[in-house]
Amino acid sequence: MKNKVKTLITGLLNEFDLEFQSFEGFAFFEEQPIDIIVGTKDRVDYMIFAFIKHSFLNVVCEDIQIEIFTRLKLKIQKSEEPEFSAISRSIDKNSTLIICSQVPPNTCEIELNKTISSIEEDSYYYKKQVLSYSRLDESNIGELLAKNEGVLEECEKIVTDIEKYNSFISGNSDSKYALVALLYEKLPFLTLKIKSEDRLVLKDEILRSLSDKEVDDLAFYEDLIKKGSIEDWVNGIGAEND
């Protein structure tokens, strides 16, 4: 069965015009193949996507990242295979390892978050992100892939929906919004293009959430910034407190 997350990632890499190579069965752990995708924009900073079983998350730092690091370095140094010769030897200094893993049903969320935090806080070999997803997420990804306008446009449409955003920060978001928000958090190349009209809508939302005094204070500070006199104002406060 085709991995929908892998299809989603390659689709997004294509839409951002990034170079990438896919390697099936690049490494093995406990006789299980680990597929990777190596992507870059400038051949300086790299992203290495590794697709692993959920049960392997606990050994990412001790075993899996070292296996990927070592094998990749050896293959690039030998440069016998053309797909590796295009990858810069500096990849081991400027890379983010993005672990992609499906979470089984009934997984303890607290323990999962602890495991993810321990991986992402580990600074050896690679910077790291963990993209964990459920069966429901896979279903939502299938719907994203089916959209005619492209995955990126659909993701932008979802994540910039103000009503869905308000529900999300209130803890009541739908699963598709939560998935797309996770993609923007975990994928380094995925950035949101804010249109001027979106900025105005967001500013209106912020203003509506403030009290009258907070709105007046905000206008005062914005005026100071525009005039370039905020530093004088801060220094004046310091003089008054001396």
C-alpha atoms as a PDB file:
ATOM      1  CA  MET A   1       0.000   0.000   0.000  1.00  0.00           C
ATOM      2  CA  LYS A   2       1.322   3.405  -0.987  1.00  0.00           C
ATOM      3  CA  ASN A   3       2.462   5.620   1.875  1.00  0.00           C
ATOM      4  CA  LYS A   4       0.245   8.715   1.683  1.00  0.00           C
ATOM      5  CA  VAL A   5       2.539  10.757   3.923  1.00  0.00           C
ATOM      6  CA  LYS A   6       5.452  10.058   1.592  1.00  0.00           C
ATOM      7  CA  THR A   7       3.283  11.066  -1.389  1.00  0.00           C
ATOM      8  CA  LEU A   8       2.258  14.257   0.430  1.00  0.00           C
ATOM      9  CA  ILE A   9       5.872  15.200   1.218  1.00  0.00           C
ATOM     10  CA  THR A  10       7.151  14.566  -2.318  1.00  0.00           C
ATOM     11  CA  GLY A  11       4.208  16.573  -3.668  1.00  0.00           C
ATOM     12  CA  LEU A  12       5.031  19.536  -1.426  1.00  0.00           C
ATOM     13  CA  LEU A  13       8.741  19.316  -2.293  1.00  0.00           C
ATOM     14  CA  ASN A  14       7.762  19.459  -5.957  1.00  0.00           C
ATOM     15  CA  GLU A  15       5.472  22.452  -5.425  1.00  0.00           C
ATOM     16  CA  PHE A  16       8.330  24.318  -3.719  1.00  0.00           C
ATOM     17  CA  ASP A  17      10.718  23.392  -6.579  1.00  0.00           C
ATOM     18  CA  LEU A  18      13.121  21.660  -4.187  1.00  0.00           C
ATOM     19  CA  GLU A  19      15.599  19.025  -5.290  1.00  0.00           C
ATOM     20  CA  PHE A  20      15.028  15.622  -3.748  1.00  0.00           C
ATOM     21  CA  GLN A  21      15.937  11.975  -4.056  1.00  0.00           C
ATOM     22  CA  SER A  22      13.974   9.021  -2.684  1.00  0.00           C
ATOM     23  CA  PHE A  23      15.803   5.924  -1.433  1.00  0.00           C
ATOM     24  CA  GLU A  24      13.730   2.811  -0.745  1.00  0.00           C
ATOM     25  CA  GLY A  25      15.188   0.487   1.872  1.00  0.00           C
ATOM     26  CA  PHE A  26      18.097   2.859   2.474  1.00  0.00           C
ATOM     27  CA  ALA A  27      18.782   1.367   5.896  1.00  0.00           C
ATOM     28  CA  PHE A  28      17.502  -1.554   7.966  1.00  0.00           C
ATOM     29  CA  PHE A  29      16.694  -1.901  11.632  1.00  0.00           C
ATOM     30  CA  GLU A  30      15.652  -5.254  13.085  1.00  0.00           C
ATOM     31  CA  GLU A  31      15.331  -6.450   9.485  1.00  0.00           C
ATOM     32  CA  GLN A  32      12.775  -3.717   8.755  1.00  0.00           C
ATOM     33  CA  PRO A  33      13.533  -1.353   5.834  1.00  0.00           C
ATOM     34  CA  ILE A  34      13.774   2.385   6.444  1.00  0.00           C
ATOM     35  CA  ASP A  35      12.975   4.536   3.423  1.00  0.00           C
ATOM     36  CA  ILE A  36      14.352   8.067   3.253  1.00  0.00           C
ATOM     37  CA  ILE A  37      13.912  11.177   1.128  1.00  0.00           C
ATOM     38  CA  VAL A  38      16.758  13.693   0.931  1.00  0.00           C
ATOM     39  CA  GLY A  39      15.647  17.198  -0.081  1.00  0.00           C
ATOM     40  CA  THR A  40      17.347  20.567  -0.457  1.00  0.00           C
ATOM     41  CA  LYS A  41      16.843  24.002  -1.941  1.00  0.00           C
ATOM     42  CA  ASP A  42      20.433  25.191  -2.163  1.00  0.00           C
ATOM     43  CA  ARG A  43      22.607  22.061  -1.632  1.00  0.00           C
ATOM     44  CA  VAL A  44      23.721  23.577   1.667  1.00  0.00           C
ATOM     45  CA  ASP A  45      20.818  22.934   4.032  1.00  0.00           C
ATOM     46  CA  TYR A  46      19.245  19.491   3.737  1.00  0.00           C
ATOM     47  CA  MET A  47      16.163  17.702   5.010  1.00  0.00           C
ATOM     48  CA  ILE A  48      16.245  13.947   5.488  1.00  0.00           C
ATOM     49  CA  PHE A  49      12.819  12.357   5.854  1.00  0.00           C
ATOM     50  CA  ALA A  50      12.954   8.887   7.437  1.00  0.00           C
ATOM     51  CA  PHE A  51       9.874   6.662   7.507  1.00  0.00           C
ATOM     52  CA  ILE A  52       9.942   4.269  10.468  1.00  0.00           C
ATOM     53  CA  LYS A  53       7.670   2.047  12.562  1.00  0.00           C
ATOM     54  CA  HIS A  54       6.222   3.625  15.678  1.00  0.00           C
ATOM     55  CA  SER A  55       7.963   1.046  17.873  1.00  0.00           C
ATOM     56  CA  PHE A  56      11.327   2.349  16.613  1.00  0.00           C
ATOM     57  CA  LEU A  57      10.823   5.877  17.969  1.00  0.00           C
ATOM     58  CA  ASN A  58      12.543   4.962  21.234  1.00  0.00           C
ATOM     59  CA  VAL A  59      15.772   4.074  19.404  1.00  0.00           C
ATOM     60  CA  VAL A  60      15.969   7.007  16.979  1.00  0.00           C
ATOM     61  CA  CYS A  61      18.723   8.766  18.924  1.00  0.00           C
ATOM     62  CA  GLU A  62      20.672   5.662  19.958  1.00  0.00           C
ATOM     63  CA  ASP A  63      20.530   3.661  16.724  1.00  0.00           C
ATOM     64  CA  ILE A  64      18.516   4.847  13.738  1.00  0.00           C
ATOM     65  CA  GLN A  65      19.952   8.335  13.279  1.00  0.00           C
ATOM     66  CA  ILE A  66      23.487   6.925  13.588  1.00  0.00           C
ATOM     67  CA  GLU A  67      22.753   4.262  10.965  1.00  0.00           C
ATOM     68  CA  ILE A  68      21.363   6.864   8.554  1.00  0.00           C
ATOM     69  CA  PHE A  69      24.204   9.294   9.249  1.00  0.00           C
ATOM     70  CA  THR A  70      26.912   6.664   8.733  1.00  0.00           C
ATOM     71  CA  ARG A  71      25.470   5.054   5.608  1.00  0.00           C
ATOM     72  CA  LEU A  72      24.706   8.383   3.976  1.00  0.00           C
ATOM     73  CA  LYS A  73      28.186   9.735   4.653  1.00  0.00           C
ATOM     74  CA  LEU A  74      29.845   6.607   3.211  1.00  0.00           C
ATOM     75  CA  LYS A  75      27.712   6.609   0.070  1.00  0.00           C
ATOM     76  CA  ILE A  76      28.377  10.316  -0.581  1.00  0.00           C
ATOM     77  CA  GLN A  77      32.115   9.903  -0.056  1.00  0.00           C
ATOM     78  CA  LYS A  78      32.301   6.959  -2.455  1.00  0.00           C
ATOM     79  CA  SER A  79      30.082   8.746  -5.027  1.00  0.00           C
ATOM     80  CA  GLU A  80      29.793   5.530  -7.032  1.00  0.00           C
ATOM     81  CA  GLU A  81      26.044   5.947  -7.410  1.00  0.00           C
ATOM     82  CA  PRO A  82      24.968   9.049  -9.393  1.00  0.00           C
ATOM     83  CA  GLU A  83      22.025   9.832  -7.110  1.00  0.00           C
ATOM     84  CA  PHE A  84      24.437  10.305  -4.199  1.00  0.00           C
ATOM     85  CA  SER A  85      27.113  12.247  -6.097  1.00  0.00           C
ATOM     86  CA  ALA A  86      24.800  15.293  -6.306  1.00  0.00           C
ATOM     87  CA  ILE A  87      24.485  15.482  -2.512  1.00  0.00           C
ATOM     88  CA  SER A  88      26.942  17.837  -0.800  1.00  0.00           C
ATOM     89  CA  ARG A  89      29.420  16.347   1.657  1.00  0.00           C
ATOM     90  CA  SER A  90      28.379  19.088   4.098  1.00  0.00           C
ATOM     91  CA  ILE A  91      25.022  17.357   4.549  1.00  0.00           C
ATOM     92  CA  ASP A  92      26.165  15.990   7.910  1.00  0.00           C
ATOM     93  CA  LYS A  93      26.650  19.569   9.199  1.00  0.00           C
ATOM     94  CA  ASN A  94      23.498  21.243   7.863  1.00  0.00           C
ATOM     95  CA  SER A  95      20.651  18.767   8.021  1.00  0.00           C
ATOM     96  CA  THR A  96      17.321  18.279   9.712  1.00  0.00           C
ATOM     97  CA  LEU A  97      16.204  14.697  10.224  1.00  0.00           C
ATOM     98  CA  ILE A  98      12.419  14.461  10.044  1.00  0.00           C
ATOM     99  CA  ILE A  99      11.100  11.214  11.476  1.00  0.00           C
ATOM    100  CA  CYS A 100       7.740  10.198  10.009  1.00  0.00           C
ATOM    101  CA  SER A 101       5.824   7.530  11.895  1.00  0.00           C
ATOM    102  CA  GLN A 102       2.231   6.358  12.128  1.00  0.00           C
ATOM    103  CA  VAL A 103       0.878   6.207  15.665  1.00  0.00           C
ATOM    104  CA  PRO A 104      -1.159   3.070  16.479  1.00  0.00           C
ATOM    105  CA  PRO A 105      -4.662   3.497  17.956  1.00  0.00           C
ATOM    106  CA  ASN A 106      -4.902   3.815  21.752  1.00  0.00           C
ATOM    107  CA  THR A 107      -1.344   5.118  22.076  1.00  0.00           C
ATOM    108  CA  CYS A 108      -0.802   7.046  25.312  1.00  0.00           C
ATOM    109  CA  GLU A 109      -0.518  10.677  24.204  1.00  0.00           C
ATOM    110  CA  ILE A 110       1.498  11.728  27.253  1.00  0.00           C
ATOM    111  CA  GLU A 111       4.141   9.044  26.657  1.00  0.00           C
ATOM    112  CA  LEU A 112       4.191   9.799  22.937  1.00  0.00           C
ATOM    113  CA  ASN A 113       4.819  13.506  23.587  1.00  0.00           C
ATOM    114  CA  LYS A 114       7.639  12.635  26.016  1.00  0.00           C
ATOM    115  CA  THR A 115       9.270  10.444  23.377  1.00  0.00           C
ATOM    116  CA  ILE A 116       8.911  13.105  20.681  1.00  0.00           C
ATOM    117  CA  SER A 117      10.362  15.777  22.990  1.00  0.00           C
ATOM    118  CA  SER A 118      13.364  13.606  23.861  1.00  0.00           C
ATOM    119  CA  ILE A 119      14.096  13.069  20.153  1.00  0.00           C
ATOM    120  CA  GLU A 120      13.695  16.712  19.161  1.00  0.00           C
ATOM    121  CA  GLU A 121      15.797  17.944  22.089  1.00  0.00           C
ATOM    122  CA  ASP A 122      18.671  15.616  21.204  1.00  0.00           C
ATOM    123  CA  SER A 123      21.344  17.725  19.471  1.00  0.00           C
ATOM    124  CA  TYR A 124      23.666  14.973  18.233  1.00  0.00           C
ATOM    125  CA  TYR A 125      24.146  14.227  14.519  1.00  0.00           C
ATOM    126  CA  TYR A 126      21.075  16.117  13.253  1.00  0.00           C
ATOM    127  CA  LYS A 127      18.513  18.682  14.192  1.00  0.00           C
ATOM    128  CA  LYS A 128      15.362  16.602  14.497  1.00  0.00           C
ATOM    129  CA  GLN A 129      11.606  16.845  14.074  1.00  0.00           C
ATOM    130  CA  VAL A 130       9.036  14.097  14.552  1.00  0.00           C
ATOM    131  CA  LEU A 131       5.973  14.009  12.316  1.00  0.00           C
ATOM    132  CA  SER A 132       3.648  11.500  13.972  1.00  0.00           C
ATOM    133  CA  TYR A 133       0.296  10.828  12.346  1.00  0.00           C
ATOM    134  CA  SER A 134      -2.754   8.660  12.888  1.00  0.00           C
ATOM    135  CA  ARG A 135      -4.963   6.619  10.552  1.00  0.00           C
ATOM    136  CA  LEU A 136      -7.406   9.517  10.579  1.00  0.00           C
ATOM    137  CA  ASP A 137      -4.571  11.821   9.495  1.00  0.00           C
ATOM    138  CA  GLU A 138      -3.847   9.463   6.602  1.00  0.00           C
ATOM    139  CA  SER A 139      -7.481   9.701   5.569  1.00  0.00           C
ATOM    140  CA  ASN A 140      -7.285  13.508   5.677  1.00  0.00           C
ATOM    141  CA  ILE A 141      -4.059  13.411   3.662  1.00  0.00           C
ATOM    142  CA  GLY A 142      -5.865  11.338   1.041  1.00  0.00           C
ATOM    143  CA  GLU A 143      -8.455  14.126   0.769  1.00  0.00           C
ATOM    144  CA  LEU A 144      -5.700  16.768   0.458  1.00  0.00           C
ATOM    145  CA  LEU A 145      -4.024  14.781  -2.331  1.00  0.00           C
ATOM    146  CA  ALA A 146      -7.321  14.478  -4.196  1.00  0.00           C
ATOM    147  CA  LYS A 147      -7.783  18.259  -4.497  1.00  0.00           C
ATOM    148  CA  ASN A 148      -7.310  19.565  -8.027  1.00  0.00           C
ATOM    149  CA  GLU A 149      -5.771  22.892  -6.972  1.00  0.00           C
ATOM    150  CA  GLY A 150      -2.735  21.232  -5.380  1.00  0.00           C
ATOM    151  CA  VAL A 151      -1.755  20.285  -1.859  1.00  0.00           C
ATOM    152  CA  LEU A 152      -0.007  23.556  -1.002  1.00  0.00           C
ATOM    153  CA  GLU A 153      -2.942  25.752  -1.974  1.00  0.00           C
ATOM    154  CA  GLU A 154      -5.338  23.546  -0.031  1.00  0.00           C
ATOM    155  CA  CYS A 155      -3.087  23.609   3.051  1.00  0.00           C
ATOM    156  CA  GLU A 156      -2.867  27.409   2.900  1.00  0.00           C
ATOM    157  CA  LYS A 157      -6.632  27.667   2.554  1.00  0.00           C
ATOM    158  CA  ILE A 158      -7.184  25.512   5.640  1.00  0.00           C
ATOM    159  CA  VAL A 159      -4.546  27.043   7.925  1.00  0.00           C
ATOM    160  CA  THR A 160      -5.569  30.654   7.164  1.00  0.00           C
ATOM    161  CA  ASP A 161      -9.234  30.035   7.979  1.00  0.00           C
ATOM    162  CA  ILE A 162      -9.777  32.360  10.967  1.00  0.00           C
ATOM    163  CA  GLU A 163     -12.762  30.449  12.364  1.00  0.00           C
ATOM    164  CA  LYS A 164     -10.853  27.172  12.264  1.00  0.00           C
ATOM    165  CA  TYR A 165      -7.836  28.891  13.840  1.00  0.00           C
ATOM    166  CA  ASN A 166      -9.955  30.207  16.719  1.00  0.00           C
ATOM    167  CA  SER A 167     -11.347  26.713  17.278  1.00  0.00           C
ATOM    168  CA  PHE A 168      -7.823  25.297  17.169  1.00  0.00           C
ATOM    169  CA  ILE A 169      -6.434  27.598  19.885  1.00  0.00           C
ATOM    170  CA  SER A 170      -9.556  26.860  21.969  1.00  0.00           C
ATOM    171  CA  GLY A 171      -8.806  23.143  21.747  1.00  0.00           C
ATOM    172  CA  ASN A 172     -11.795  22.384  19.511  1.00  0.00           C
ATOM    173  CA  SER A 173     -10.174  22.112  16.085  1.00  0.00           C
ATOM    174  CA  ASP A 174     -11.181  19.555  13.483  1.00  0.00           C
ATOM    175  CA  SER A 175      -8.688  16.827  12.632  1.00  0.00           C
ATOM    176  CA  LYS A 176      -7.805  18.242   9.211  1.00  0.00           C
ATOM    177  CA  TYR A 177      -6.857  21.658  10.611  1.00  0.00           C
ATOM    178  CA  ALA A 178      -4.771  20.013  13.345  1.00  0.00           C
ATOM    179  CA  LEU A 179      -2.961  17.948  10.692  1.00  0.00           C
ATOM    180  CA  VAL A 180      -2.167  20.932   8.485  1.00  0.00           C
ATOM    181  CA  ALA A 181      -1.010  22.984  11.493  1.00  0.00           C
ATOM    182  CA  LEU A 182       1.315  20.098  12.401  1.00  0.00           C
ATOM    183  CA  LEU A 183       2.765  20.076   8.875  1.00  0.00           C
ATOM    184  CA  TYR A 184       3.583  23.793   9.126  1.00  0.00           C
ATOM    185  CA  GLU A 185       5.212  23.184  12.501  1.00  0.00           C
ATOM    186  CA  LYS A 186       7.326  20.169  11.508  1.00  0.00           C
ATOM    187  CA  LEU A 187       8.343  20.731   7.864  1.00  0.00           C
ATOM    188  CA  PRO A 188      11.136  23.367   7.681  1.00  0.00           C
ATOM    189  CA  PHE A 189      10.426  24.388   4.084  1.00  0.00           C
ATOM    190  CA  LEU A 190       6.689  24.827   4.579  1.00  0.00           C
ATOM    191  CA  THR A 191       6.083  28.533   5.170  1.00  0.00           C
ATOM    192  CA  LEU A 192       2.884  30.491   5.024  1.00  0.00           C
ATOM    193  CA  LYS A 193       2.511  33.309   2.526  1.00  0.00           C
ATOM    194  CA  ILE A 194       0.440  35.971   4.269  1.00  0.00           C
ATOM    195  CA  LYS A 195      -1.509  38.195   1.894  1.00  0.00           C
ATOM    196  CA  SER A 196      -2.148  41.828   2.842  1.00  0.00           C
ATOM    197  CA  GLU A 197      -5.868  41.172   3.232  1.00  0.00           C
ATOM    198  CA  ASP A 198      -5.088  38.251   5.585  1.00  0.00           C
ATOM    199  CA  ARG A 199      -3.003  40.593   7.748  1.00  0.00           C
ATOM    200  CA  LEU A 200      -5.930  43.016   7.990  1.00  0.00           C
ATOM    201  CA  VAL A 201      -8.338  40.234   8.973  1.00  0.00           C
ATOM    202  CA  LEU A 202      -5.898  38.968  11.612  1.00  0.00           C
ATOM    203  CA  LYS A 203      -5.407  42.486  12.986  1.00  0.00           C
ATOM    204  CA  ASP A 204      -9.185  42.942  13.234  1.00  0.00           C
ATOM    205  CA  GLU A 205      -9.424  39.643  15.136  1.00  0.00           C
ATOM    206  CA  ILE A 206      -6.717  40.774  17.558  1.00  0.00           C
ATOM    207  CA  LEU A 207      -8.336  44.163  18.125  1.00  0.00           C
ATOM    208  CA  ARG A 208     -11.713  42.577  18.847  1.00  0.00           C
ATOM    209  CA  SER A 209     -10.110  40.483  21.581  1.00  0.00           C
ATOM    210  CA  LEU A 210      -8.611  43.515  23.377  1.00  0.00           C
ATOM    211  CA  SER A 211     -10.160  45.830  25.945  1.00  0.00           C
ATOM    212  CA  ASP A 212     -10.626  49.541  25.121  1.00  0.00           C
ATOM    213  CA  LYS A 213      -7.568  50.443  27.202  1.00  0.00           C
ATOM    214  CA  GLU A 214      -5.447  47.772  25.453  1.00  0.00           C
ATOM    215  CA  VAL A 215      -6.541  49.090  22.048  1.00  0.00           C
ATOM    216  CA  ASP A 216      -5.531  52.638  23.077  1.00  0.00           C
ATOM    217  CA  ASP A 217      -2.184  51.388  24.401  1.00  0.00           C
ATOM    218  CA  LEU A 218      -1.531  49.478  21.175  1.00  0.00           C
ATOM    219  CA  ALA A 219      -2.275  52.574  19.078  1.00  0.00           C
ATOM    220  CA  PHE A 220       0.086  54.610  21.295  1.00  0.00           C
ATOM    221  CA  TYR A 221       2.953  52.119  20.858  1.00  0.00           C
ATOM    222  CA  GLU A 222       2.360  51.838  17.092  1.00  0.00           C
ATOM    223  CA  ASP A 223       2.563  55.618  16.823  1.00  0.00           C
ATOM    224  CA  LEU A 224       5.869  55.655  18.739  1.00  0.00           C
ATOM    225  CA  ILE A 225       7.289  52.980  16.421  1.00  0.00           C
ATOM    226  CA  LYS A 226       6.206  54.864  13.283  1.00  0.00           C
ATOM    227  CA  LYS A 227       7.842  58.053  14.548  1.00  0.00           C
ATOM    228  CA  GLY A 228      10.984  56.188  15.561  1.00  0.00           C
ATOM    229  CA  SER A 229      10.763  57.661  19.043  1.00  0.00           C
ATOM    230  CA  ILE A 230      10.138  54.564  21.137  1.00  0.00           C
ATOM    231  CA  GLU A 231      13.760  54.522  22.366  1.00  0.00           C
ATOM    232  CA  ASP A 232      13.426  58.115  23.663  1.00  0.00           C
ATOM    233  CA  TRP A 233      10.205  57.146  25.406  1.00  0.00           C
ATOM    234  CA  VAL A 234      11.834  54.113  27.092  1.00  0.00           C
ATOM    235  CA  ASN A 235      14.830  56.232  28.164  1.00  0.00           C
ATOM    236  CA  GLY A 236      12.425  58.807  29.584  1.00  0.00           C
ATOM    237  CA  ILE A 237      10.773  56.157  31.717  1.00  0.00           C
ATOM    238  CA  GLY A 238      14.191  55.049  32.956  1.00  0.00           C
ATOM    239  CA  ALA A 239      15.072  58.629  33.934  1.00  0.00           C
ATOM    240  CA  GLU A 240      11.803  58.970  35.861  1.00  0.00           C
ATOM    241  CA  ASN A 241      12.535  55.791  37.820  1.00  0.00           C
ATOM    242  CA  ASP A 242      16.100  56.874  38.794  1.00  0.00           C
END
